[in-house]
């Protein structure tokens, strides 16, 4: 691998890791905002209109969160495929392949954190849906 190829590989690995870190940062922000909304509702006098409005905003927030997680995962998968392509193109690899091979396949065949983040967003969205339903039922 030439120095230029090694620098490109390193840059792609950094881009992939940055996307993973951004996904976690975004999810932490969404979790804080969701708990803030729940805390806000818990401290207010029960009001039908308030529950409906906050619930609808929560549902929209959950949809944005799920979409953001899905798109971030697509970018991570893109960078993984590019890194694996570079590893496959190297006729005489200097290092052990990281983004391909049986260990990689085994680690990525199970339910992972990206899936759990989408499930967490779906749970909050269902919670906000229940808030809207309770607001309408009052």
Foldseek 3Di string as FASTA:
>chain_A
DDPVLVVVLVVLVVVLVVLVVVLVVVLVVLVVVLVVLVVVCVPDDDALVVLQVSLVVQLVSLVVNLVSLVVSVVSNVVSLVVSVVSVVVDPDDPDDRDSDDDVNCVVPPDDDDSNVSNVVSVVSNVVSVVSNVVSVVD
